[in-house]
Amino acid sequence: MSKIEFSKAEKEIMTQKVKRYFQDELNEDIGNFDAEFLIDFFAEEMGGFFYNRGLYDAETMIAEKVSEISDQLLQLEKPVSVVGKA
């Protein structure tokens, strides 16, 4: 798997969320550098878990949709009679 990269805008949003979490939940102020360092750590060390979960969820959803389409196709089937059957 290639390294997970975020845009500058995404990184800024995540940085603010991490800083707010530390302030609200832990009553700690952390700077942008520390917040970005933490985001990079989680992306590198645990990003694969989140990525894989997304893939599994997408695979499940696609399988369900394919099953629905298959059922709908079978409903379109026309009755046929076999000519000359003894």
C-alpha atoms as a PDB file:
ATOM      1  CA  MET A   1       0.000   0.000   0.000  1.00  0.00           C
ATOM      2  CA  SER A   2       1.308   3.423  -0.840  1.00  0.00           C
ATOM      3  CA  LYS A   3       1.700   6.109   1.793  1.00  0.00           C
ATOM      4  CA  ILE A   4      -1.515   7.900   2.734  1.00  0.00           C
ATOM      5  CA  GLU A   5      -1.265  11.512   1.624  1.00  0.00           C
ATOM      6  CA  PHE A   6      -3.619  14.358   2.521  1.00  0.00           C
ATOM      7  CA  SER A   7      -4.076  17.711   0.841  1.00  0.00           C
ATOM      8  CA  LYS A   8      -2.991  20.845   2.673  1.00  0.00           C
ATOM      9  CA  ALA A   9      -6.643  21.736   3.322  1.00  0.00           C
ATOM     10  CA  GLU A  10      -7.416  18.266   4.691  1.00  0.00           C
ATOM     11  CA  LYS A  11      -4.355  18.382   6.931  1.00  0.00           C
ATOM     12  CA  GLU A  12      -5.369  21.796   8.299  1.00  0.00           C
ATOM     13  CA  ILE A  13      -8.864  20.545   9.141  1.00  0.00           C
ATOM     14  CA  MET A  14      -7.496  17.428  10.840  1.00  0.00           C
ATOM     15  CA  THR A  15      -4.922  19.498  12.748  1.00  0.00           C
ATOM     16  CA  GLN A  16      -7.654  21.749  14.133  1.00  0.00           C
ATOM     17  CA  LYS A  17      -9.753  18.731  15.103  1.00  0.00           C
ATOM     18  CA  VAL A  18      -6.826  17.134  16.961  1.00  0.00           C
ATOM     19  CA  LYS A  19      -6.046  20.385  18.756  1.00  0.00           C
ATOM     20  CA  ARG A  20      -9.716  20.810  19.716  1.00  0.00           C
ATOM     21  CA  TYR A  21      -9.882  17.210  20.967  1.00  0.00           C
ATOM     22  CA  PHE A  22      -6.816  17.678  23.166  1.00  0.00           C
ATOM     23  CA  GLN A  23      -8.275  20.895  24.560  1.00  0.00           C
ATOM     24  CA  ASP A  24     -11.828  19.625  25.103  1.00  0.00           C
ATOM     25  CA  GLU A  25     -11.112  16.089  26.288  1.00  0.00           C
ATOM     26  CA  LEU A  26      -7.677  16.325  27.889  1.00  0.00           C
ATOM     27  CA  ASN A  27      -7.539  20.000  28.835  1.00  0.00           C
ATOM     28  CA  GLU A  28      -4.187  20.218  27.025  1.00  0.00           C
ATOM     29  CA  ASP A  29      -3.020  22.747  24.482  1.00  0.00           C
ATOM     30  CA  ILE A  30      -0.884  21.350  21.696  1.00  0.00           C
ATOM     31  CA  GLY A  31       0.592  23.226  18.786  1.00  0.00           C
ATOM     32  CA  ASN A  32       0.174  22.652  15.072  1.00  0.00           C
ATOM     33  CA  PHE A  33       3.476  20.758  14.844  1.00  0.00           C
ATOM     34  CA  ASP A  34       2.489  18.277  17.566  1.00  0.00           C
ATOM     35  CA  ALA A  35      -0.982  17.800  16.084  1.00  0.00           C
ATOM     36  CA  GLU A  36       0.439  17.202  12.591  1.00  0.00           C
ATOM     37  CA  PHE A  37       3.026  14.805  14.013  1.00  0.00           C
ATOM     38  CA  LEU A  38       0.219  12.829  15.680  1.00  0.00           C
ATOM     39  CA  ILE A  39      -1.806  12.763  12.450  1.00  0.00           C
ATOM     40  CA  ASP A  40       1.234  11.502  10.531  1.00  0.00           C
ATOM     41  CA  PHE A  41       1.805   8.810  13.154  1.00  0.00           C
ATOM     42  CA  PHE A  42      -1.788   7.565  12.960  1.00  0.00           C
ATOM     43  CA  ALA A  43      -1.801   7.706   9.164  1.00  0.00           C
ATOM     44  CA  GLU A  44       1.382   5.643   8.923  1.00  0.00           C
ATOM     45  CA  GLU A  45       0.828   3.203  11.762  1.00  0.00           C
ATOM     46  CA  MET A  46      -2.947   2.742  11.687  1.00  0.00           C
ATOM     47  CA  GLY A  47      -4.109   4.163   8.384  1.00  0.00           C
ATOM     48  CA  GLY A  48      -4.061   0.712   6.814  1.00  0.00           C
ATOM     49  CA  PHE A  49      -6.668  -0.523   9.292  1.00  0.00           C
ATOM     50  CA  PHE A  50      -9.060   2.299   8.354  1.00  0.00           C
ATOM     51  CA  TYR A  51      -8.301   1.923   4.648  1.00  0.00           C
ATOM     52  CA  ASN A  52      -8.916  -1.828   4.733  1.00  0.00           C
ATOM     53  CA  ARG A  53     -12.164  -1.395   6.673  1.00  0.00           C
ATOM     54  CA  GLY A  54     -13.332   0.996   3.951  1.00  0.00           C
ATOM     55  CA  LEU A  55     -12.450  -1.574   1.299  1.00  0.00           C
ATOM     56  CA  TYR A  56     -14.309  -4.346   3.148  1.00  0.00           C
ATOM     57  CA  ASP A  57     -17.364  -2.121   3.571  1.00  0.00           C
ATOM     58  CA  ALA A  58     -17.276  -1.158  -0.120  1.00  0.00           C
ATOM     59  CA  GLU A  59     -16.908  -4.811  -1.143  1.00  0.00           C
ATOM     60  CA  THR A  60     -19.931  -5.771   0.983  1.00  0.00           C
ATOM     61  CA  MET A  61     -22.030  -2.960  -0.489  1.00  0.00           C
ATOM     62  CA  ILE A  62     -21.047  -3.898  -4.062  1.00  0.00           C
ATOM     63  CA  ALA A  63     -21.848  -7.583  -3.436  1.00  0.00           C
ATOM     64  CA  GLU A  64     -25.286  -6.611  -2.100  1.00  0.00           C
ATOM     65  CA  LYS A  65     -25.963  -4.425  -5.151  1.00  0.00           C
ATOM     66  CA  VAL A  66     -24.812  -7.156  -7.563  1.00  0.00           C
ATOM     67  CA  SER A  67     -27.147  -9.602  -5.819  1.00  0.00           C
ATOM     68  CA  GLU A  68     -30.037  -7.135  -6.165  1.00  0.00           C
ATOM     69  CA  ILE A  69     -29.292  -6.641  -9.869  1.00  0.00           C
ATOM     70  CA  SER A  70     -29.079 -10.397 -10.383  1.00  0.00           C
ATOM     71  CA  ASP A  71     -32.480 -10.845  -8.741  1.00  0.00           C
ATOM     72  CA  GLN A  72     -33.959  -8.083 -10.908  1.00  0.00           C
ATOM     73  CA  LEU A  73     -32.543  -9.679 -14.047  1.00  0.00           C
ATOM     74  CA  LEU A  74     -34.099 -13.023 -13.139  1.00  0.00           C
ATOM     75  CA  GLN A  75     -37.481 -11.298 -12.769  1.00  0.00           C
ATOM     76  CA  LEU A  76     -37.209 -10.211 -16.412  1.00  0.00           C
ATOM     77  CA  GLU A  77     -36.892 -13.795 -17.587  1.00  0.00           C
ATOM     78  CA  LYS A  78     -39.661 -14.805 -19.994  1.00  0.00           C
ATOM     79  CA  PRO A  79     -41.380 -18.181 -19.801  1.00  0.00           C
ATOM     80  CA  VAL A  80     -40.509 -20.502 -22.667  1.00  0.00           C
ATOM     81  CA  SER A  81     -42.098 -23.674 -23.945  1.00  0.00           C
ATOM     82  CA  VAL A  82     -40.127 -26.545 -25.247  1.00  0.00           C
ATOM     83  CA  VAL A  83     -41.349 -27.662 -28.688  1.00  0.00           C
ATOM     84  CA  GLY A  84     -41.379 -31.343 -29.489  1.00  0.00           C
ATOM     85  CA  LYS A  85     -40.846 -32.502 -25.953  1.00  0.00           C
ATOM     86  CA  ALA A  86     -42.076 -36.034 -25.517  1.00  0.00           C
END
